[in-house]
Amino acid sequence: MITPRTRDLRGRILWAFGGFAVAMAAVFGLSTAVFLYTVEDEFFNALLSEEAALLEQRRTREPQWGAPRQPWMTVHESPTTMPADLGAQLAAEPNRREFRGDAGRHYHLRRLGPINRADSVPPAWLVSEVSGRLVVRPMRVELLEKWLVVEALILLLAVGLALRIARRIAQPLSTLADAVRTFDPSLPVHALVISNADAEVMVVARALDDMRSRVQALVAREQAFTRDASHELRTPLSVIRSTAAQVLQDSALTPASRRMLTLALQSAEQMERTVASLLALARDTTRDTTRDTASGMPAQSTRVLPVVEQVVIDQSPALDGRDVSLAIDVPGDATLHVSGAVLHILLSNLIGNAFMHTASGVVRVSFAQQQLVLSNPLSTDTGYDAFAGDVRALGARGAKREDSPGFGLGLDIAQRLCDRAGLALEWQIHDGAFQVTLGGTT
């Protein structure tokens, strides 16, 4: 069976907290960098504004622009007198006020004047080359390293917090999952007590307790009904079978009467097998509780050939008077992962059905690739056409039981036995024969 892809709750919480921490640290680091660069630029812009105000004030008393007080500031009346790495950029972008130059130089500009319309001196630019006074940019690598350390600490803190929260949330859910996984209707149901559980988890726990009680009551009622009905049927079936067997010994019977009595005897024998199977289901004797941890299959294995031989001997009276032969190709060391009692019930059901519904031909039992294959030819002779029609109604391989409501109760019970024992059971029509495959795990 293909299970849907699932995601671990604890992993989802870790990823959520970790991703949130990384995102917040990145936003924090980016905002910090923007803040530092903005403060540094505003500092230089403030110095430029102060110096420009002094120069413009002095310009009202002097015919020319004077020299700035700061040695790293210069006044240029034309971009042609500026450094080459600045003049070209200013000519291309006249409205820009901050430029990166060659060899690590960095420029800030401010426009000066004109003082009045009659002034013959053209406007100028106050240029400051601040590469030697930058604080943030030379520390970029160091700041980045510190930011990474802070981000790592934040991430560790977030992961630790996520682990604690995930453990607190997942532990009660794991307890609930274990309770569902280990639930056995044959054992008393005790109320789930989950420590440190939130209110929502306790609501689920109480609902689970209620569900387990209902399931246990339902299973108990089903087992009681099946057990009681089976016991009540055994006595009349024994009477019918013994009476039919005694009447068949009467030599005065006509062939038609003998045939009808034979069918009645076979039906009684089939019903006895059905009753035995129902009792096994009702007593829960088909459950294999011990399983291998590596393969997941039942730890108990049974040799197939001795069980097949015993079942064939038990069911051979069903072939009396018919041209039916048996071909068994089962290696002596062939095994199936199922208890001997369960395998005997299953084969009694399947082989008994094959013998009963085969008018003539060869019933084959073979074993290959850890699967037991049983096939019998379909016949349209009187007394067998109903079974053949039911089988053909199945259609393709793997059809569901409900797709053919008239198809035998015995095979339906065999399917339930296989489901309980953890075995796969499939049937199909192949080369004019009804073929049943038993083996593998579900």
Protein backbone atom coordinates (compact mmCIF):
# COMPACT_ATOMS: atom_id res chain seq x y z
CA MET A 1 0.00 0.00 0.00
CA ILE A 2 1.33 3.43 -0.94
CA THR A 3 1.23 5.86 1.96
CA PRO A 4 0.95 9.62 1.40
CA ARG A 5 4.02 11.68 1.95
CA THR A 6 4.13 13.05 5.49
CA ARG A 7 6.17 15.71 7.25
CA ASP A 8 7.54 15.52 10.77
CA LEU A 9 5.93 18.06 13.12
CA ARG A 10 9.15 18.59 15.05
CA GLY A 11 11.06 19.22 11.85
CA ARG A 12 8.45 21.71 10.67
CA ILE A 13 8.71 23.64 13.94
CA LEU A 14 12.51 23.68 13.71
CA TRP A 15 12.42 24.91 10.13
CA ALA A 16 9.83 27.56 10.99
CA PHE A 17 11.77 28.93 13.96
CA GLY A 18 15.12 28.67 12.19
CA GLY A 19 13.83 30.36 9.06
CA PHE A 20 12.17 33.10 11.09
CA ALA A 21 15.39 33.69 13.08
CA VAL A 22 17.52 33.89 9.91
CA ALA A 23 15.01 36.23 8.25
CA MET A 24 14.84 38.51 11.28
CA ALA A 25 18.64 38.55 11.64
CA ALA A 26 18.98 39.42 7.96
CA VAL A 27 16.45 42.24 8.29
CA PHE A 28 18.22 43.45 11.43
CA GLY A 29 21.62 43.35 9.74
CA LEU A 30 20.35 45.13 6.62
CA SER A 31 18.60 47.85 8.64
CA THR A 32 21.71 48.33 10.78
CA ALA A 33 23.89 48.72 7.68
CA VAL A 34 21.47 51.23 6.18
CA PHE A 35 21.42 53.15 9.46
CA LEU A 36 25.22 53.27 9.70
CA TYR A 37 25.70 54.38 6.09
CA THR A 38 22.95 56.99 6.45
CA VAL A 39 24.45 58.44 9.63
CA GLU A 40 27.90 58.63 8.06
CA ASP A 41 26.58 60.34 4.91
CA GLU A 42 24.51 62.79 6.94
CA PHE A 43 27.58 63.68 8.99
CA PHE A 44 29.54 64.67 5.85
CA ASN A 45 26.51 66.45 4.42
CA ALA A 46 26.22 68.48 7.62
CA LEU A 47 29.90 69.48 7.42
CA LEU A 48 29.41 70.47 3.78
CA SER A 49 26.35 72.55 4.62
CA GLU A 50 28.22 74.34 7.40
CA GLU A 51 31.21 75.04 5.19
CA ALA A 52 28.99 76.14 2.29
CA ALA A 53 27.18 78.62 4.52
CA LEU A 54 30.50 80.19 5.56
CA LEU A 55 31.74 80.36 1.96
CA GLU A 56 28.52 81.94 0.71
CA GLN A 57 28.60 84.45 3.57
CA ARG A 58 32.21 85.35 2.75
CA ARG A 59 31.30 85.55 -0.96
CA THR A 60 28.94 88.46 -0.23
CA ARG A 61 31.99 90.52 0.85
CA GLU A 62 34.54 89.27 -1.70
CA PRO A 63 34.51 89.18 -5.51
CA GLN A 64 35.69 85.53 -5.71
CA TRP A 65 34.99 82.26 -3.94
CA GLY A 66 37.36 81.77 -1.05
CA ALA A 67 39.16 78.63 0.06
CA PRO A 68 37.40 76.26 2.48
CA ARG A 69 38.70 75.91 6.02
CA GLN A 70 39.01 72.13 5.76
CA PRO A 71 42.02 70.89 3.77
CA TRP A 72 40.00 67.97 2.35
CA MET A 73 37.45 70.34 0.81
CA THR A 74 37.91 72.29 -2.42
CA VAL A 75 35.84 74.72 -4.49
CA HIS A 76 35.49 74.19 -8.25
CA GLU A 77 33.72 76.56 -10.63
CA SER A 78 33.69 74.01 -13.45
CA PRO A 79 33.67 70.19 -13.63
CA THR A 80 36.78 70.46 -15.81
CA THR A 81 38.87 71.54 -12.80
CA MET A 82 37.66 68.61 -10.71
CA PRO A 83 39.57 65.32 -10.44
CA ALA A 84 39.12 63.28 -13.59
CA ASP A 85 37.34 60.42 -11.83
CA LEU A 86 34.78 62.92 -10.46
CA GLY A 87 34.32 65.36 -13.35
CA ALA A 88 33.27 62.70 -15.86
CA GLN A 89 30.68 61.23 -13.49
CA LEU A 90 29.27 64.67 -12.60
CA ALA A 91 28.92 65.55 -16.26
CA ALA A 92 26.94 62.36 -16.82
CA GLU A 93 24.81 62.76 -13.68
CA PRO A 94 24.61 66.45 -12.78
CA ASN A 95 21.99 65.98 -10.07
CA ARG A 96 23.93 63.37 -8.11
CA ARG A 97 25.73 64.46 -4.92
CA GLU A 98 27.81 61.43 -3.94
CA PHE A 99 30.34 59.61 -6.13
CA ARG A 100 32.80 56.77 -5.80
CA GLY A 101 36.19 57.59 -7.35
CA ASP A 102 39.25 55.61 -8.33
CA ALA A 103 41.78 54.13 -5.88
CA GLY A 104 39.25 54.07 -3.03
CA ARG A 105 38.42 57.78 -3.19
CA HIS A 106 34.92 58.90 -2.17
CA TYR A 107 33.39 62.32 -2.93
CA HIS A 108 30.54 64.42 -1.51
CA LEU A 109 29.40 67.56 -3.38
CA ARG A 110 27.31 70.62 -2.65
CA ARG A 111 26.28 73.35 -5.07
CA LEU A 112 27.31 76.96 -4.17
CA GLY A 113 25.70 80.32 -5.23
CA PRO A 114 25.06 82.39 -7.21
CA ILE A 115 24.70 85.09 -4.56
CA ASN A 116 22.56 87.50 -6.70
CA ARG A 117 21.47 87.92 -10.30
CA ALA A 118 24.03 90.71 -10.94
CA ASP A 119 26.88 88.54 -9.81
CA SER A 120 29.40 87.97 -12.56
CA VAL A 121 30.95 84.95 -10.80
CA PRO A 122 29.26 81.71 -11.92
CA PRO A 123 28.02 79.09 -9.45
CA ALA A 124 30.53 76.64 -8.01
CA TRP A 125 30.74 73.24 -6.31
CA LEU A 126 32.06 72.48 -2.88
CA VAL A 127 33.82 69.13 -3.17
CA SER A 128 34.95 67.00 -0.23
CA GLU A 129 37.13 63.93 -0.70
CA VAL A 130 36.30 61.89 2.45
CA SER A 131 38.01 58.55 1.85
CA GLY A 132 40.42 59.22 4.70
CA ARG A 133 37.61 60.08 7.11
CA LEU A 134 35.20 57.23 6.41
CA VAL A 135 34.38 55.04 9.39
CA VAL A 136 31.76 52.51 8.27
CA ARG A 137 33.07 51.50 4.87
CA PRO A 138 36.58 50.50 6.00
CA MET A 139 34.96 48.34 8.69
CA ARG A 140 32.65 46.45 6.37
CA VAL A 141 34.45 43.10 6.72
CA GLU A 142 34.69 43.43 10.48
CA LEU A 143 31.04 44.43 10.77
CA LEU A 144 30.01 41.54 8.55
CA GLU A 145 31.93 39.07 10.74
CA LYS A 146 30.32 40.45 13.87
CA TRP A 147 26.91 40.30 12.22
CA LEU A 148 27.47 36.63 11.28
CA VAL A 149 28.44 35.83 14.88
CA VAL A 150 25.29 37.54 16.14
CA GLU A 151 23.18 35.71 13.54
CA ALA A 152 24.68 32.37 14.57
CA LEU A 153 23.88 33.07 18.21
CA ILE A 154 20.33 34.06 17.33
CA LEU A 155 19.93 30.95 15.21
CA LEU A 156 21.19 28.70 18.01
CA LEU A 157 18.84 30.35 20.45
CA ALA A 158 15.92 29.92 18.02
CA VAL A 159 16.74 26.25 17.39
CA GLY A 160 17.01 25.57 21.12
CA LEU A 161 13.68 27.25 21.74
CA ALA A 162 12.13 25.39 18.80
CA LEU A 163 13.39 22.05 20.14
CA ARG A 164 11.85 22.74 23.51
CA ILE A 165 8.52 23.78 22.03
CA ALA A 166 8.52 20.90 19.54
CA ARG A 167 9.23 18.41 22.30
CA ARG A 168 6.42 19.85 24.40
CA ILE A 169 3.97 19.68 21.48
CA ALA A 170 5.08 16.39 19.93
CA GLN A 171 5.39 14.29 23.07
CA PRO A 172 1.65 14.19 23.87
CA LEU A 173 0.91 13.53 20.20
CA SER A 174 3.44 10.67 20.20
CA THR A 175 1.70 9.24 23.26
CA LEU A 176 -1.61 9.38 21.41
CA ALA A 177 -0.07 7.74 18.35
CA ASP A 178 1.38 4.92 20.48
CA ALA A 179 -2.02 4.38 22.07
CA VAL A 180 -3.64 4.03 18.64
CA ARG A 181 -0.85 1.80 17.34
CA THR A 182 -0.95 -0.60 20.28
CA PHE A 183 -4.72 -0.66 20.69
CA ASP A 184 -6.01 -4.21 21.04
CA PRO A 185 -9.79 -4.70 21.26
CA SER A 186 -9.24 -7.83 23.35
CA LEU A 187 -7.61 -5.84 26.17
CA PRO A 188 -9.37 -3.53 28.64
CA VAL A 189 -9.43 0.13 27.67
CA HIS A 190 -7.95 2.52 30.21
CA ALA A 191 -8.33 6.28 30.12
CA LEU A 192 -5.35 8.03 28.57
CA VAL A 193 -3.40 10.10 31.07
CA ILE A 194 -1.04 12.49 29.28
CA SER A 195 1.18 14.71 31.36
CA ASN A 196 1.98 18.30 30.33
CA ALA A 197 -0.65 18.14 27.59
CA ASP A 198 -2.44 21.20 26.29
CA ALA A 199 -6.21 21.49 26.30
CA GLU A 200 -6.46 20.70 22.57
CA VAL A 201 -4.46 17.49 23.00
CA MET A 202 -6.65 16.42 25.90
CA VAL A 203 -9.73 16.93 23.74
CA VAL A 204 -8.21 14.54 21.19
CA ALA A 205 -7.26 12.09 23.95
CA ARG A 206 -10.81 12.02 25.33
CA ALA A 207 -12.19 11.55 21.81
CA LEU A 208 -9.70 8.71 21.29
CA ASP A 209 -10.77 7.08 24.55
CA ASP A 210 -14.39 7.25 23.43
CA MET A 211 -13.54 5.86 20.01
CA ARG A 212 -11.54 2.97 21.50
CA SER A 213 -14.46 2.08 23.76
CA ARG A 214 -16.88 2.07 20.85
CA VAL A 215 -14.52 0.00 18.69
CA GLN A 216 -14.03 -2.49 21.51
CA ALA A 217 -17.78 -2.81 22.02
CA LEU A 218 -18.33 -3.23 18.28
CA VAL A 219 -15.65 -5.92 17.97
CA ALA A 220 -17.02 -7.72 21.03
CA ARG A 221 -20.53 -7.74 19.56
CA GLU A 222 -19.24 -8.99 16.20
CA GLN A 223 -17.19 -11.75 17.78
CA ALA A 224 -20.06 -12.81 20.02
CA PHE A 225 -22.48 -12.94 17.10
CA THR A 226 -20.05 -14.86 14.89
CA ARG A 227 -19.18 -17.28 17.68
CA ASP A 228 -22.80 -17.92 18.65
CA ALA A 229 -23.98 -18.27 15.05
CA SER A 230 -21.13 -20.63 14.23
CA HIS A 231 -21.86 -22.84 17.23
CA GLU A 232 -25.53 -22.96 16.37
CA LEU A 233 -24.75 -23.98 12.78
CA ARG A 234 -22.32 -26.79 13.55
CA THR A 235 -24.91 -29.27 14.83
CA PRO A 236 -27.42 -29.04 11.93
CA LEU A 237 -24.57 -29.08 9.41
CA SER A 238 -23.20 -32.29 10.95
CA VAL A 239 -26.65 -33.85 10.75
CA ILE A 240 -27.06 -32.82 7.10
CA ARG A 241 -23.60 -34.13 6.16
CA SER A 242 -23.97 -37.48 7.92
CA THR A 243 -27.51 -37.98 6.61
CA ALA A 244 -26.48 -37.19 3.02
CA ALA A 245 -23.50 -39.55 3.30
CA GLN A 246 -25.72 -42.40 4.54
CA VAL A 247 -28.36 -41.86 1.85
CA LEU A 248 -25.66 -41.86 -0.86
CA GLN A 249 -24.86 -45.46 0.09
CA ASP A 250 -28.33 -46.54 -1.10
CA SER A 251 -27.87 -48.33 -4.42
CA ALA A 252 -31.46 -47.62 -5.43
CA LEU A 253 -30.81 -43.91 -5.95
CA THR A 254 -31.24 -42.55 -9.46
CA PRO A 255 -28.22 -40.72 -11.00
CA ALA A 256 -30.03 -37.39 -10.72
CA SER A 257 -30.82 -37.94 -7.03
CA ARG A 258 -27.27 -39.08 -6.36
CA ARG A 259 -25.94 -35.97 -8.05
CA MET A 260 -28.22 -33.69 -6.03
CA LEU A 261 -27.26 -35.42 -2.77
CA THR A 262 -23.59 -35.12 -3.70
CA LEU A 263 -23.97 -31.38 -4.21
CA ALA A 264 -25.81 -31.11 -0.89
CA LEU A 265 -23.02 -33.03 0.87
CA GLN A 266 -20.37 -30.82 -0.71
CA SER A 267 -22.28 -27.70 0.31
CA ALA A 268 -22.51 -28.96 3.86
CA GLU A 269 -18.77 -29.63 3.91
CA GLN A 270 -18.12 -26.14 2.53
CA MET A 271 -20.34 -24.64 5.20
CA GLU A 272 -18.43 -26.54 7.88
CA ARG A 273 -15.20 -25.02 6.58
CA THR A 274 -16.87 -21.61 6.62
CA VAL A 275 -17.99 -22.15 10.20
CA ALA A 276 -14.44 -23.12 11.20
CA SER A 277 -13.08 -19.99 9.56
CA LEU A 278 -15.66 -17.79 11.28
CA LEU A 279 -14.79 -19.31 14.62
CA ALA A 280 -11.12 -18.59 13.98
CA LEU A 281 -11.96 -14.97 13.22
CA ALA A 282 -14.22 -14.67 16.25
CA ARG A 283 -11.56 -16.11 18.57
CA ASP A 284 -8.89 -13.85 17.03
CA THR A 285 -6.57 -16.84 16.60
CA THR A 286 -5.36 -15.61 13.23
CA ARG A 287 -3.49 -12.56 14.54
CA ASP A 288 0.31 -12.82 14.36
CA THR A 289 1.44 -10.41 17.08
CA THR A 290 5.15 -11.24 16.86
CA ARG A 291 6.83 -9.63 13.86
CA ASP A 292 10.41 -9.34 12.70
CA THR A 293 11.68 -5.79 13.30
CA ALA A 294 13.70 -5.69 10.05
CA SER A 295 11.14 -7.02 7.56
CA GLY A 296 7.94 -6.22 9.41
CA MET A 297 6.60 -9.71 8.53
CA PRO A 298 5.36 -12.27 11.07
CA ALA A 299 8.29 -13.93 12.78
CA GLN A 300 6.63 -17.37 12.56
CA SER A 301 7.08 -19.32 9.31
CA THR A 302 5.34 -22.53 8.23
CA ARG A 303 6.42 -25.13 5.67
CA VAL A 304 3.80 -25.13 2.94
CA LEU A 305 4.02 -28.65 1.46
CA PRO A 306 2.98 -30.65 4.58
CA VAL A 307 -0.05 -28.41 5.07
CA VAL A 308 -1.02 -28.73 1.37
CA GLU A 309 -0.76 -32.52 1.53
CA GLN A 310 -2.85 -32.74 4.68
CA VAL A 311 -5.54 -30.44 3.27
CA VAL A 312 -5.66 -32.41 -0.01
CA ILE A 313 -6.20 -35.64 1.95
CA ASP A 314 -8.94 -34.01 4.02
CA GLN A 315 -10.73 -32.55 0.99
CA SER A 316 -10.22 -35.45 -1.45
CA PRO A 317 -13.72 -36.95 -0.89
CA ALA A 318 -15.09 -33.88 -2.72
CA LEU A 319 -13.53 -35.25 -5.96
CA ASP A 320 -15.26 -38.65 -5.86
CA GLY A 321 -16.95 -39.50 -9.14
CA ARG A 322 -15.38 -36.65 -11.12
CA ASP A 323 -12.65 -36.61 -13.75
CA VAL A 324 -10.42 -34.23 -11.80
CA SER A 325 -6.68 -34.68 -11.29
CA LEU A 326 -4.28 -32.80 -9.01
CA ALA A 327 -0.84 -31.38 -9.85
CA ILE A 328 1.27 -30.19 -6.90
CA ASP A 329 4.54 -28.35 -7.54
CA VAL A 330 5.59 -27.11 -4.11
CA PRO A 331 9.24 -27.43 -2.99
CA GLY A 332 9.78 -29.15 0.32
CA ASP A 333 11.53 -26.12 1.82
CA ALA A 334 8.90 -23.57 0.73
CA THR A 335 7.59 -21.47 3.64
CA LEU A 336 5.10 -18.70 4.24
CA HIS A 337 5.22 -16.13 7.03
CA VAL A 338 2.07 -17.31 8.81
CA SER A 339 1.22 -19.73 11.60
CA GLY A 340 0.42 -23.35 10.72
CA ALA A 341 -3.13 -23.14 12.08
CA VAL A 342 -3.97 -20.11 9.96
CA LEU A 343 -2.43 -21.62 6.82
CA HIS A 344 -4.42 -24.83 7.35
CA ILE A 345 -7.70 -22.90 7.62
CA LEU A 346 -6.89 -20.82 4.53
CA LEU A 347 -5.90 -23.79 2.36
CA SER A 348 -8.90 -25.81 3.53
CA ASN A 349 -11.09 -23.00 2.36
CA LEU A 350 -9.30 -22.33 -0.96
CA ILE A 351 -8.55 -25.93 -1.97
CA GLY A 352 -12.01 -27.06 -0.82
CA ASN A 353 -13.60 -24.42 -3.04
CA ALA A 354 -11.40 -25.47 -5.98
CA PHE A 355 -12.35 -29.12 -5.57
CA MET A 356 -16.04 -28.36 -5.19
CA HIS A 357 -16.29 -26.09 -8.24
CA THR A 358 -14.20 -28.11 -10.70
CA ALA A 359 -16.20 -30.47 -12.90
CA SER A 360 -13.20 -31.84 -14.79
CA GLY A 361 -9.62 -31.00 -15.54
CA VAL A 362 -6.49 -30.37 -13.49
CA VAL A 363 -6.33 -28.47 -10.22
CA ARG A 364 -2.82 -27.05 -9.89
CA VAL A 365 -1.00 -26.01 -6.73
CA SER A 366 2.43 -24.41 -7.21
CA PHE A 367 4.87 -22.25 -5.27
CA ALA A 368 7.22 -19.60 -6.68
CA GLN A 369 8.66 -16.29 -5.51
CA GLN A 370 7.29 -16.71 -2.00
CA GLN A 371 3.74 -17.09 -3.32
CA LEU A 372 1.41 -20.08 -3.39
CA VAL A 373 -0.67 -20.23 -6.58
CA LEU A 374 -3.83 -22.33 -6.81
CA SER A 375 -5.75 -22.63 -10.12
CA ASN A 376 -8.72 -24.67 -11.27
CA PRO A 377 -10.42 -24.67 -14.68
CA LEU A 378 -13.74 -22.89 -15.07
CA SER A 379 -16.56 -25.11 -16.27
CA THR A 380 -20.01 -24.39 -17.68
CA ASP A 381 -21.35 -27.83 -16.78
CA THR A 382 -24.58 -28.01 -14.83
CA GLY A 383 -23.95 -27.21 -11.17
CA TYR A 384 -20.81 -25.15 -11.90
CA ASP A 385 -22.05 -22.42 -14.25
CA ALA A 386 -23.18 -20.17 -11.38
CA PHE A 387 -19.70 -20.21 -9.87
CA ALA A 388 -18.11 -19.57 -13.27
CA GLY A 389 -20.43 -16.62 -13.84
CA ASP A 390 -19.55 -15.15 -10.45
CA VAL A 391 -15.85 -15.52 -11.19
CA ARG A 392 -16.15 -13.84 -14.58
CA ALA A 393 -17.93 -10.96 -12.90
CA LEU A 394 -14.68 -10.19 -11.12
CA GLY A 395 -13.15 -8.97 -14.35
CA ALA A 396 -9.51 -7.88 -14.18
CA ARG A 397 -6.94 -8.82 -11.55
CA GLY A 398 -7.37 -7.22 -8.17
CA ALA A 399 -11.10 -6.55 -8.41
CA LYS A 400 -12.76 -5.74 -5.11
CA ARG A 401 -15.06 -8.19 -3.39
CA GLU A 402 -17.97 -5.75 -3.46
CA ASP A 403 -17.67 -5.59 -7.26
CA SER A 404 -19.18 -9.10 -7.43
CA PRO A 405 -21.74 -9.45 -4.64
CA GLY A 406 -22.68 -12.97 -5.71
CA PHE A 407 -19.13 -14.28 -5.40
CA GLY A 408 -18.51 -16.84 -2.69
CA LEU A 409 -18.69 -16.21 1.00
CA GLY A 410 -15.78 -18.63 1.45
CA LEU A 411 -13.39 -16.49 -0.57
CA ASP A 412 -14.57 -13.39 1.25
CA ILE A 413 -13.81 -15.02 4.58
CA ALA A 414 -10.44 -16.17 3.26
CA GLN A 415 -9.70 -12.54 2.39
CA ARG A 416 -10.54 -11.49 5.93
CA LEU A 417 -8.31 -14.22 7.32
CA CYS A 418 -5.45 -13.01 5.13
CA ASP A 419 -6.01 -9.42 6.18
CA ARG A 420 -5.84 -10.48 9.82
CA ALA A 421 -2.73 -12.60 9.29
CA GLY A 422 -0.94 -9.98 7.18
CA LEU A 423 -0.95 -12.00 3.93
CA ALA A 424 -1.81 -10.80 0.43
CA LEU A 425 -4.62 -12.60 -1.41
CA GLU A 426 -5.35 -11.95 -5.07
CA TRP A 427 -7.51 -13.69 -7.67
CA GLN A 428 -7.92 -13.47 -11.44
CA ILE A 429 -9.09 -15.37 -14.51
CA HIS A 430 -6.12 -16.63 -16.51
CA ASP A 431 -6.22 -18.98 -19.54
CA GLY A 432 -9.73 -20.18 -18.72
CA ALA A 433 -8.89 -20.97 -15.11
CA PHE A 434 -9.68 -19.30 -11.82
CA GLN A 435 -6.33 -18.49 -10.17
CA VAL A 436 -5.74 -17.55 -6.53
CA THR A 437 -2.38 -16.19 -5.35
CA LEU A 438 -1.52 -16.36 -1.66
CA GLY A 439 1.64 -14.86 -0.21
CA GLY A 440 3.61 -11.73 0.52
CA THR A 441 2.46 -9.17 3.06
CA THR A 442 -0.18 -6.50 3.04
